[in-house]
Amino acid sequence: CLEYYYMKTKDKILHQGLSLFNESGVDQVSALEISQSLGISYGNLTYHFRRKDEIVLALYTQMQEELDASMANLVEHLFAETYYLKLVNEQFEIVWKYRFIYLNINSLMNQFKSIRQAEKSYLLTRKKILNKAKILLIKEGYLHPEVGENYQRVIQNLNIVLTAWIIDAKLFSDGSITEKITSYATLFYSIALTHATNKGHKRYQQLIDHVAVIDKAIGV
């Protein structure tokens, strides 16, 4: 495409590396293969990235920046009608875009201290966001009051879905990317609604129906 044509070499390397890592896995792709698939010399690639590890870290950083921006949007528009539902789906879309990372997250965390630290930090951020959401929803009557640690278990399960869904999707889920994301986003909400009141369930259904109407109108 035209956008790819005007990319700088460094960005083309990242673009191609992401494509090959997603297709074959990190361990099965070498820096030399990336350069060959781009039609550039290995020396040209190493001018920008000395080792394959640097490409992996650069892609992880890109993913984190996109997730951070999406999460910041989520906080700013917390429960702002249907926009909130779209932003949650966006989190799933970003993870799918960089799916090789969470398909190999254990080995990557063991290999890269920076990734291990970033993942721990991002987990704490997600917990804060979900706790904020919980407090607001209880206040508005959409969730039942907190009893013991019932919501902490829900939040833990939501965090697991947000990162681990990609492995399940890769191994067991058929269908298009859109269908996969919709399926796991629905799972996310089914967990989130564990302690929902009747008002909460009705409100969620209203939002889902509204999204369906909008999608139909724009031909999605």
Protein backbone atom coordinates (compact mmCIF):
# COMPACT_ATOMS: atom_id res chain seq x y z
CA CYS A 1 0.00 0.00 0.00
CA LEU A 2 1.00 3.66 -0.39
CA GLU A 3 1.60 4.09 3.36
CA TYR A 4 4.05 1.18 3.37
CA TYR A 5 5.83 2.53 0.28
CA TYR A 6 6.66 5.78 2.09
CA MET A 7 7.77 4.08 5.31
CA LYS A 8 11.33 4.58 6.48
CA THR A 9 13.53 1.47 6.37
CA LYS A 10 13.46 1.15 10.16
CA ASP A 11 9.65 1.13 10.17
CA LYS A 12 9.56 -1.38 7.31
CA ILE A 13 11.80 -3.70 9.33
CA LEU A 14 9.43 -3.47 12.29
CA HIS A 15 6.40 -3.98 10.05
CA GLN A 16 7.91 -7.05 8.40
CA GLY A 17 9.26 -8.42 11.67
CA LEU A 18 5.79 -8.16 13.22
CA SER A 19 4.25 -9.98 10.27
CA LEU A 20 6.80 -12.81 10.34
CA PHE A 21 6.77 -13.17 14.14
CA ASN A 22 2.97 -13.38 14.12
CA GLU A 23 3.01 -15.94 11.34
CA SER A 24 5.85 -18.22 12.45
CA GLY A 25 6.82 -17.28 16.02
CA VAL A 26 9.86 -15.43 17.36
CA ASP A 27 12.16 -18.44 17.61
CA GLN A 28 11.50 -19.53 14.03
CA VAL A 29 12.40 -16.16 12.46
CA SER A 30 15.93 -14.77 12.19
CA ALA A 31 17.06 -11.21 11.50
CA LEU A 32 18.54 -12.49 8.24
CA GLU A 33 15.13 -13.82 7.16
CA ILE A 34 13.58 -10.43 7.88
CA SER A 35 16.17 -8.65 5.74
CA GLN A 36 15.78 -11.17 2.91
CA SER A 37 11.99 -10.88 2.92
CA LEU A 38 12.36 -7.10 2.63
CA GLY A 39 14.92 -7.34 -0.14
CA ILE A 40 17.53 -5.38 1.80
CA SER A 41 21.03 -6.37 2.87
CA TYR A 42 21.65 -7.83 6.31
CA GLY A 43 24.03 -4.94 6.94
CA ASN A 44 21.23 -2.48 6.24
CA LEU A 45 19.05 -4.20 8.82
CA THR A 46 21.79 -4.31 11.48
CA TYR A 47 22.41 -0.59 10.94
CA HIS A 48 18.95 -0.03 12.46
CA PHE A 49 18.77 -3.07 14.77
CA ARG A 50 21.97 -4.83 15.80
CA ARG A 51 20.15 -8.00 16.85
CA LYS A 52 16.74 -9.60 16.46
CA ASP A 53 16.19 -8.96 20.17
CA GLU A 54 16.15 -5.22 19.48
CA ILE A 55 13.36 -5.69 16.93
CA VAL A 56 11.34 -7.69 19.46
CA LEU A 57 11.82 -5.00 22.14
CA ALA A 58 10.92 -2.21 19.70
CA LEU A 59 7.69 -4.02 18.77
CA TYR A 60 6.87 -4.59 22.44
CA THR A 61 7.38 -0.88 23.09
CA GLN A 62 5.07 -0.04 20.18
CA MET A 63 2.40 -2.35 21.59
CA GLN A 64 2.70 -0.82 25.05
CA GLU A 65 2.39 2.70 23.65
CA GLU A 66 -0.78 1.73 21.77
CA LEU A 67 -2.24 -0.05 24.82
CA ASP A 68 -1.38 2.91 27.07
CA ALA A 69 -3.07 5.36 24.68
CA SER A 70 -6.13 3.12 24.48
CA MET A 71 -6.25 2.71 28.26
CA ALA A 72 -5.94 6.48 28.77
CA ASN A 73 -8.90 6.91 26.41
CA LEU A 74 -10.78 4.28 28.38
CA VAL A 75 -10.26 6.19 31.62
CA GLU A 76 -11.24 9.52 30.07
CA HIS A 77 -14.47 8.12 28.62
CA LEU A 78 -15.33 5.67 31.37
CA PHE A 79 -18.93 4.57 30.81
CA ALA A 80 -19.52 7.18 28.12
CA GLU A 81 -22.28 5.23 26.39
CA THR A 82 -21.23 2.92 23.55
CA TYR A 83 -17.79 4.50 23.23
CA TYR A 84 -16.65 2.52 26.26
CA LEU A 85 -17.58 -0.79 24.62
CA LYS A 86 -15.59 0.18 21.52
CA LEU A 87 -12.53 1.02 23.62
CA VAL A 88 -12.58 -2.35 25.39
CA ASN A 89 -12.68 -4.04 21.97
CA GLU A 90 -9.74 -1.85 20.98
CA GLN A 91 -7.64 -3.45 23.74
CA PHE A 92 -8.32 -6.87 22.21
CA GLU A 93 -7.52 -5.58 18.72
CA ILE A 94 -4.11 -4.27 19.81
CA VAL A 95 -3.21 -7.56 21.50
CA TRP A 96 -4.21 -9.40 18.31
CA LYS A 97 -2.11 -7.05 16.20
CA TYR A 98 0.97 -7.94 18.29
CA ARG A 99 -0.19 -11.47 19.09
CA PHE A 100 3.27 -13.05 18.93
CA ILE A 101 4.11 -11.22 22.16
CA TYR A 102 1.43 -12.75 24.38
CA LEU A 103 1.75 -16.10 22.62
CA ASN A 104 5.37 -16.09 23.85
CA ILE A 105 5.01 -13.90 26.94
CA ASN A 106 6.56 -16.35 29.42
CA SER A 107 9.78 -16.79 27.46
CA LEU A 108 9.93 -13.08 26.63
CA MET A 109 9.54 -12.11 30.29
CA ASN A 110 12.32 -14.53 31.22
CA GLN A 111 14.56 -13.21 28.45
CA PHE A 112 13.92 -9.47 28.86
CA LYS A 113 13.91 -7.82 32.27
CA SER A 114 12.32 -4.68 30.78
CA ILE A 115 9.33 -6.67 29.48
CA ARG A 116 8.90 -8.40 32.84
CA GLN A 117 8.88 -5.05 34.64
CA ALA A 118 6.55 -3.45 32.09
CA GLU A 119 4.05 -6.31 32.35
CA LYS A 120 3.94 -6.04 36.14
CA SER A 121 3.41 -2.29 35.88
CA TYR A 122 0.68 -2.67 33.27
CA LEU A 123 -1.09 -5.25 35.44
CA LEU A 124 -1.25 -2.73 38.29
CA THR A 125 -2.60 -0.07 35.90
CA ARG A 126 -5.37 -2.38 34.68
CA LYS A 127 -6.29 -3.24 38.27
CA LYS A 128 -6.61 0.46 39.12
CA ILE A 129 -8.82 1.09 36.09
CA LEU A 130 -11.06 -1.88 36.85
CA ASN A 131 -11.32 -0.88 40.52
CA LYS A 132 -12.32 2.63 39.49
CA ALA A 133 -14.94 1.17 37.20
CA LYS A 134 -16.23 -1.05 40.01
CA ILE A 135 -16.64 1.88 42.43
CA LEU A 136 -18.51 3.99 39.87
CA LEU A 137 -20.81 1.13 38.84
CA ILE A 138 -21.67 0.28 42.45
CA LYS A 139 -22.40 3.96 43.14
CA GLU A 140 -24.71 4.16 40.11
CA GLY A 141 -26.53 0.97 41.10
CA TYR A 142 -25.27 -1.14 38.20
CA LEU A 143 -23.36 -3.53 40.48
CA HIS A 144 -24.21 -5.02 43.86
CA PRO A 145 -22.24 -3.71 46.87
CA GLU A 146 -18.88 -5.31 47.51
CA VAL A 147 -18.81 -8.29 49.89
CA GLY A 148 -15.43 -9.54 51.08
CA GLU A 149 -13.08 -10.10 48.16
CA ASN A 150 -15.72 -11.02 45.56
CA TYR A 151 -14.74 -8.18 43.21
CA GLN A 152 -11.03 -8.84 43.55
CA ARG A 153 -11.60 -12.31 42.09
CA VAL A 154 -13.62 -10.79 39.25
CA ILE A 155 -10.86 -8.28 38.50
CA GLN A 156 -8.26 -11.06 38.55
CA ASN A 157 -10.32 -13.05 36.04
CA LEU A 158 -10.77 -9.99 33.81
CA ASN A 159 -7.02 -9.43 33.76
CA ILE A 160 -6.45 -13.05 32.79
CA VAL A 161 -8.89 -12.72 29.90
CA LEU A 162 -7.29 -9.50 28.66
CA THR A 163 -3.91 -11.17 28.17
CA ALA A 164 -4.40 -14.95 28.01
CA TRP A 165 -7.33 -14.97 25.56
CA ILE A 166 -4.90 -14.81 22.64
CA ILE A 167 -3.52 -18.29 23.36
CA ASP A 168 -6.99 -19.80 23.51
CA ALA A 169 -7.96 -17.99 20.30
CA LYS A 170 -4.86 -19.20 18.49
CA LEU A 171 -5.37 -22.83 19.48
CA PHE A 172 -9.12 -23.34 19.56
CA SER A 173 -11.06 -20.48 17.99
CA ASP A 174 -12.17 -20.48 14.36
CA GLY A 175 -13.64 -17.62 12.38
CA SER A 176 -12.45 -14.18 11.36
CA ILE A 177 -10.40 -11.83 13.51
CA THR A 178 -13.52 -9.73 14.13
CA GLU A 179 -15.48 -12.80 15.23
CA LYS A 180 -12.68 -13.87 17.58
CA ILE A 181 -12.39 -10.44 19.19
CA THR A 182 -16.17 -10.16 19.55
CA SER A 183 -16.30 -13.59 21.18
CA TYR A 184 -13.61 -12.88 23.77
CA ALA A 185 -14.87 -9.36 24.43
CA THR A 186 -18.25 -10.92 25.17
CA LEU A 187 -16.51 -13.31 27.60
CA PHE A 188 -14.86 -10.30 29.24
CA TYR A 189 -18.25 -8.65 29.78
CA SER A 190 -19.88 -11.86 31.02
CA ILE A 191 -17.27 -11.96 33.79
CA ALA A 192 -17.61 -8.23 34.45
CA LEU A 193 -21.38 -8.67 34.90
CA THR A 194 -21.01 -11.43 37.53
CA HIS A 195 -22.33 -9.15 40.29
CA ALA A 196 -24.49 -6.89 38.10
CA THR A 197 -27.89 -5.76 39.34
CA ASN A 198 -31.01 -5.94 37.17
CA LYS A 199 -30.36 -2.30 36.33
CA GLY A 200 -26.81 -3.21 35.28
CA HIS A 201 -27.92 -6.06 33.02
CA LYS A 202 -30.58 -3.88 31.38
CA ARG A 203 -28.09 -1.06 30.80
CA TYR A 204 -25.55 -3.40 29.25
CA GLN A 205 -28.16 -4.83 26.89
CA GLN A 206 -29.19 -1.30 25.89
CA LEU A 207 -25.59 -0.49 25.00
CA ILE A 208 -25.17 -3.72 23.03
CA ASP A 209 -28.38 -3.04 21.09
CA HIS A 210 -27.28 0.52 20.39
CA VAL A 211 -23.90 -0.65 19.06
CA ALA A 212 -25.66 -3.19 16.83
CA VAL A 213 -27.86 -0.45 15.36
CA ILE A 214 -24.86 1.79 14.69
CA ASP A 215 -22.84 -1.04 13.13
CA LYS A 216 -25.76 -1.97 10.89
CA ALA A 217 -26.20 1.64 9.81
CA ILE A 218 -22.56 1.93 8.74
CA GLY A 219 -22.50 -1.53 7.19
CA VAL A 220 -20.18 -3.28 9.67
